[in-house]
Structure formats: structure tokens, C-alpha cells
Protein backbone atom coordinates (compact mmCIF):
# COMPACT_ATOMS: atom_id res chain seq x y z
CA MET A 1 91.11 113.19 115.95
CA ASP A 2 93.03 111.01 118.36
CA LYS A 3 95.97 113.18 119.44
CA ASN A 4 97.54 110.27 121.29
CA VAL A 5 97.86 108.36 118.03
CA LEU A 6 99.42 111.35 116.25
CA GLY A 7 101.87 111.59 119.15
CA VAL A 8 103.54 108.49 117.69
CA LEU A 9 104.97 110.78 114.98
CA GLU A 10 106.79 113.10 117.41
CA ASN A 11 110.09 111.23 117.15
CA LYS A 12 109.60 110.15 113.52
CA SER A 13 110.73 111.55 110.18
CA VAL A 14 108.84 112.15 106.95
CA LEU A 15 109.94 112.61 103.35
CA TYR A 16 107.66 115.03 101.48
CA ALA A 17 108.08 115.42 97.71
CA GLU A 18 106.17 118.18 95.87
CA ASP A 19 107.20 120.35 92.91
CA GLU A 20 104.72 123.21 93.45
CA ASN A 21 106.33 125.81 95.72
CA GLY A 22 103.20 127.20 97.39
CA ILE A 23 101.71 123.80 98.25
CA ARG A 24 105.09 122.49 99.39
CA GLU A 25 105.62 125.38 101.82
CA ASN A 26 102.12 125.15 103.32
CA VAL A 27 102.13 121.38 103.78
CA THR A 28 105.70 121.40 105.14
CA GLN A 29 104.60 123.79 107.90
CA ILE A 30 101.85 121.37 108.93
CA LEU A 31 104.17 118.36 108.85
CA GLU A 32 106.68 120.17 111.06
CA LEU A 33 104.02 120.31 113.79
CA PHE A 34 103.91 116.51 114.02
CA PHE A 35 107.27 115.13 112.90
CA GLU A 36 110.68 115.54 114.49
CA LYS A 37 112.28 115.83 111.05
CA VAL A 38 110.78 116.79 107.67
CA TYR A 39 112.85 116.05 104.57
CA VAL A 40 111.63 118.03 101.55
CA ALA A 41 112.20 117.14 97.89
CA LYS A 42 111.32 119.29 94.87
CA ASP A 43 111.21 116.40 92.38
CA GLY A 44 111.22 112.62 92.18
CA LYS A 45 114.94 112.24 91.63
CA GLU A 46 115.71 114.24 94.77
CA ALA A 47 113.10 112.22 96.68
CA CYS A 48 114.86 108.94 95.84
CA GLU A 49 118.21 110.39 96.90
CA ILE A 50 116.82 111.65 100.23
CA TYR A 51 115.12 108.31 100.87
CA ASP A 52 118.39 106.41 100.31
CA GLU A 53 120.29 108.72 102.67
CA TYR A 54 117.83 109.08 105.55
CA ARG A 55 115.31 106.20 105.33
CA PRO A 56 112.36 108.25 106.67
CA ASP A 57 109.55 106.65 108.69
CA VAL A 58 106.79 108.05 106.44
CA VAL A 59 106.80 109.02 102.75
CA MET A 60 104.45 111.55 101.14
CA VAL A 61 104.76 112.12 97.38
CA ASP A 62 102.98 113.99 94.64
CA ILE A 63 102.37 111.91 91.52
CA CYS A 64 103.17 114.52 88.86
CA MET A 65 106.78 115.65 89.36
CA PRO A 66 109.68 116.33 86.99
CA HIS A 67 112.54 113.87 86.33
CA VAL A 68 110.91 110.95 88.19
CA ASP A 69 107.17 110.85 88.91
CA GLY A 70 105.72 109.95 92.30
CA LEU A 71 104.64 106.44 91.36
CA ASP A 72 108.14 105.63 90.16
CA VAL A 73 109.48 106.97 93.47
CA ILE A 74 107.18 104.57 95.33
CA SER A 75 108.19 101.71 93.05
CA TYR A 76 111.85 102.48 93.80
CA ILE A 77 111.19 102.48 97.56
CA ARG A 78 109.15 99.27 97.46
CA LYS A 79 112.01 97.32 95.89
CA SER A 80 113.66 97.24 99.32
CA ASP A 81 110.96 98.46 101.70
CA ARG A 82 107.40 97.11 101.84
CA LYS A 83 106.41 98.54 105.22
CA THR A 84 107.01 102.30 105.31
CA PRO A 85 103.62 104.10 105.16
CA VAL A 86 103.19 106.08 101.92
CA ILE A 87 100.72 108.90 101.20
CA VAL A 88 100.12 109.68 97.53
CA LEU A 89 98.99 113.12 96.35
CA SER A 90 97.37 113.77 92.97
CA ALA A 91 95.62 116.69 91.27
CA HIS A 92 93.43 114.25 89.34
CA ARG A 93 91.58 111.10 90.35
CA ASP A 94 93.05 109.07 87.53
CA GLU A 95 91.83 105.46 87.93
CA GLN A 96 94.81 104.00 86.11
CA ARG A 97 97.23 105.87 88.36
CA LEU A 98 95.17 105.01 91.43
CA TRP A 99 95.43 101.30 90.69
CA ARG A 100 99.16 101.60 90.07
CA ALA A 101 99.46 103.27 93.45
CA VAL A 102 97.37 100.58 95.19
CA GLU A 103 99.61 97.88 93.72
CA GLN A 104 102.57 99.56 95.44
CA LYS A 105 100.90 99.22 98.87
CA ILE A 106 100.03 102.80 99.70
CA THR A 107 98.47 103.95 102.97
CA LYS A 108 96.38 106.87 101.70
CA TYR A 109 95.53 108.52 98.36
CA LEU A 110 94.71 112.24 98.63
CA THR A 111 93.25 114.19 95.71
CA LYS A 112 94.21 117.86 95.45
CA PRO A 113 93.00 120.21 96.70
CA PHE A 114 92.85 118.56 100.12
CA ASP A 115 92.18 120.33 103.41
CA LYS A 116 94.02 120.06 106.71
CA ASN A 117 91.53 117.55 108.12
CA MET A 118 92.10 115.18 105.20
CA LEU A 119 95.85 115.44 105.71
CA MET A 120 95.49 114.87 109.47
CA GLU A 121 93.42 111.74 108.85
CA ALA A 122 96.08 110.41 106.46
CA LEU A 123 98.75 111.05 109.11
CA ARG A 124 96.62 109.29 111.73
CA VAL A 125 96.41 106.16 109.54
CA CYS A 126 100.20 106.28 109.05
CA ALA A 127 100.69 106.55 112.81
CA LEU A 128 98.49 103.51 113.38
CA GLU A 129 100.53 101.52 110.86
CA LEU A 130 103.73 102.50 112.64
CA VAL A 131 102.28 101.42 115.99
CA GLU A 132 101.18 98.06 114.59
CA ASP A 133 104.57 97.52 112.98
CA ALA A 134 106.34 98.32 116.25
CA LEU A 135 104.23 95.70 117.99
CA GLU A 136 105.08 92.98 115.50
CA VAL A 137 107.19 90.12 116.80
CA HIS A 138 109.63 88.73 114.24
CA LEU A 139 109.69 84.95 114.25
CA THR A 140 111.74 84.30 111.10
CA SER A 141 113.19 86.49 108.35
CA ASP A 142 109.86 86.21 106.49
CA ILE A 143 107.25 85.79 109.22
CA SER A 144 106.16 88.07 112.07
CA TYR A 145 103.24 88.05 114.49
CA ASN A 146 100.93 91.01 115.15
CA PRO A 147 99.35 90.63 118.62
CA SER A 148 96.80 93.41 118.10
CA GLN A 149 95.38 91.76 114.98
CA LYS A 150 95.99 88.16 116.10
CA CYS A 151 97.58 87.27 112.78
CA LEU A 152 100.82 86.23 111.16
CA ILE A 153 102.33 88.48 108.50
CA CYS A 154 104.26 86.83 105.70
CA LYS A 155 105.41 88.93 102.72
CA ASP A 156 102.62 91.49 103.35
CA GLN A 157 100.00 88.74 103.52
CA LYS A 158 97.99 88.44 106.74
CA ILE A 159 97.31 84.94 108.02
CA PRO A 160 94.62 84.96 110.74
CA LEU A 161 95.02 82.72 113.79
CA THR A 162 92.29 81.09 115.83
CA LEU A 163 91.89 82.06 119.48
CA GLN A 164 93.75 78.96 120.68
CA GLU A 165 96.52 79.38 118.08
CA SER A 166 97.11 83.02 119.04
CA ARG A 167 97.08 82.26 122.79
CA LEU A 168 99.53 79.41 122.26
CA LEU A 169 101.88 81.49 120.10
CA GLU A 170 101.82 84.40 122.55
CA TYR A 171 102.66 81.99 125.37
CA PHE A 172 105.60 80.62 123.40
CA ILE A 173 106.79 84.18 122.67
CA ALA A 174 106.57 85.11 126.36
CA CYS A 175 108.68 82.02 127.15
CA ARG A 176 110.99 82.45 124.18
CA GLY A 177 114.17 80.42 124.46
CA LYS A 178 112.74 78.18 127.17
CA THR A 179 111.20 74.73 126.89
CA VAL A 180 107.56 74.83 127.97
CA THR A 181 106.15 71.55 129.31
CA PHE A 182 102.99 69.92 127.96
CA GLU A 183 101.32 70.42 131.32
CA ALA A 184 102.16 74.16 131.46
CA ILE A 185 100.78 74.69 127.96
CA GLU A 186 97.58 72.79 128.71
CA ASP A 187 97.10 74.78 131.90
CA HIS A 188 97.61 78.05 130.02
CA LEU A 189 95.16 77.18 127.27
CA TRP A 190 92.43 75.35 129.18
CA GLY A 191 93.12 75.41 132.91
CA TYR A 192 91.43 72.63 134.85
CA ASP A 193 89.33 71.64 131.82
CA ALA A 194 92.28 70.57 129.67
CA PRO A 195 90.97 68.06 127.09
CA GLY A 196 94.27 66.16 126.90
CA LYS A 197 97.47 65.94 124.88
CA GLU A 198 95.70 65.03 121.63
CA ALA A 199 93.87 68.36 121.69
CA LEU A 200 97.14 70.16 122.37
CA LYS A 201 98.85 68.32 119.52
CA ALA A 202 96.00 69.35 117.21
CA VAL A 203 96.52 73.06 118.06
CA ILE A 204 100.29 72.69 117.63
CA LYS A 205 99.80 70.99 114.27
CA SER A 206 97.42 73.67 112.93
CA LEU A 207 99.74 76.46 114.11
CA ARG A 208 102.75 74.78 112.52
CA LYS A 209 100.94 74.63 109.19
CA LYS A 210 100.69 78.42 109.26
CA ILE A 211 104.02 79.29 110.86
CA GLY A 212 106.30 76.48 109.70
CA LYS A 213 107.48 73.37 111.52
CA GLU A 214 110.95 74.75 112.15
CA VAL A 215 109.71 77.63 114.32
CA ILE A 216 108.11 75.45 117.02
CA LYS A 217 110.62 72.89 118.26
CA ASN A 218 109.49 69.62 119.85
CA HIS A 219 111.49 68.42 122.86
CA TYR A 220 110.56 64.75 123.00
CA GLY A 221 108.75 63.78 126.17
CA ILE A 222 109.06 67.27 127.67
CA GLY A 223 107.30 69.98 125.63
CA TYR A 224 107.91 72.70 123.01
CA SER A 225 109.88 75.90 122.51
CA ILE A 226 110.60 78.67 120.02
CA ASP A 227 113.99 80.43 119.78
């Protein structure tokens, strides 16, 4: 287990919803070792209320709960939040419920009874998602760039970039708000072996197809920039 990854959770909060008292107490004690704040709900209705009030960084819900079940809790959260990592707990490996959970973009599905190692692994995956999200660079209201994965993210869809596209975009981001000359871009991408402006225009064109023309601005006769 990579303790450094789990360290990401030290200043984070988690919402844990479980209606069985014994399980809830045991799991809460474990969660308190890793999270700064643990919000506990005894049913789905309370879970939705706590989520609205505190907006936790991680959500962990049991499927079978009174008033509002766990899958409906996730559905409620996903109406406004597609990124928060969610761990689903279930006493049965019900395929229909599993697919419903997958459709709601869950991070991990744990079948009861689960041991501490299984829970720790689920928390590790959540921590990695939080790290990746923190590294994302927002380019527009709908599009962000993930440097670690070299891809654009648009409405939860990942759009991979080529090596040249990712290097170009990262250069623009580093120079954000400034106009970068054609010569500076060519030097960054190819150095002394720059194949010429047509090659540069081809990379710009392919990147614009993925990111949108409005993001990369052309300054006629000078170069390009992004705001």
C-alpha cells in the first residue's frame, strides 16, 4: 500500500452512509485514521442532506438503506457533481444494481463482508482520482487537460493527445496569457530540426479539432496564445 498516496486524504472529508450500527461504527473508526473529517449518515435521506451541506471530497454509501437507497443517493449527487469519488457497498453482488452503479460513475464497488485491505485499496483509488483531478488544468467551462494522462477531459470523456499535441498544449499553458511566437513554438517542439511552419500549423489544426478553435487564439503574423 502506498502510504504517500493515502496521505492525500489527510486534509479531505468523507461522507459515509450505512444503516447497520455495528458495521458503521467499525468502518467509521478506520475512516477517521485517514480523513480529516468523517460525516456519518444512518440512511439515504440523511446522506443527501449531509452532502448538500458539506460537499465532502469522497462519498461511501451502502446500497440497501431506508428512506432513500444508496444508488438513489449517488444519482442525486451526480446531478450536480460528476467528479467526486464514490465507493459503493453491497451485501449482494446483484448484477442489475452493479450496472446501475457503474452508470453513475463509481470509483469502487465493495461486496460485504469486505476486509480492511479491500477498504484501503478502495481509498487508495479514491486518493489517486483526487490527485489527478487536482492536476487538471481547466481550459473552458467544459474542457480540462490532465498532464499525467496526456488527455483532454470533456464531460467525463477522455480525449487522448499525441506527443506533439500534449507538448504544444503544455507550452501554451505555461505561457498562458502571453503571445508565443511561431519561432519559439517551433524551437520548443523540434529544436534545431524544426520542419517548418506548415508542420506547426498541422499540429495546431489537429489540437484545435480536439480542444476547440476558440481556445487557441491566432495573432496574425506573430504567433498563438491561450487565455
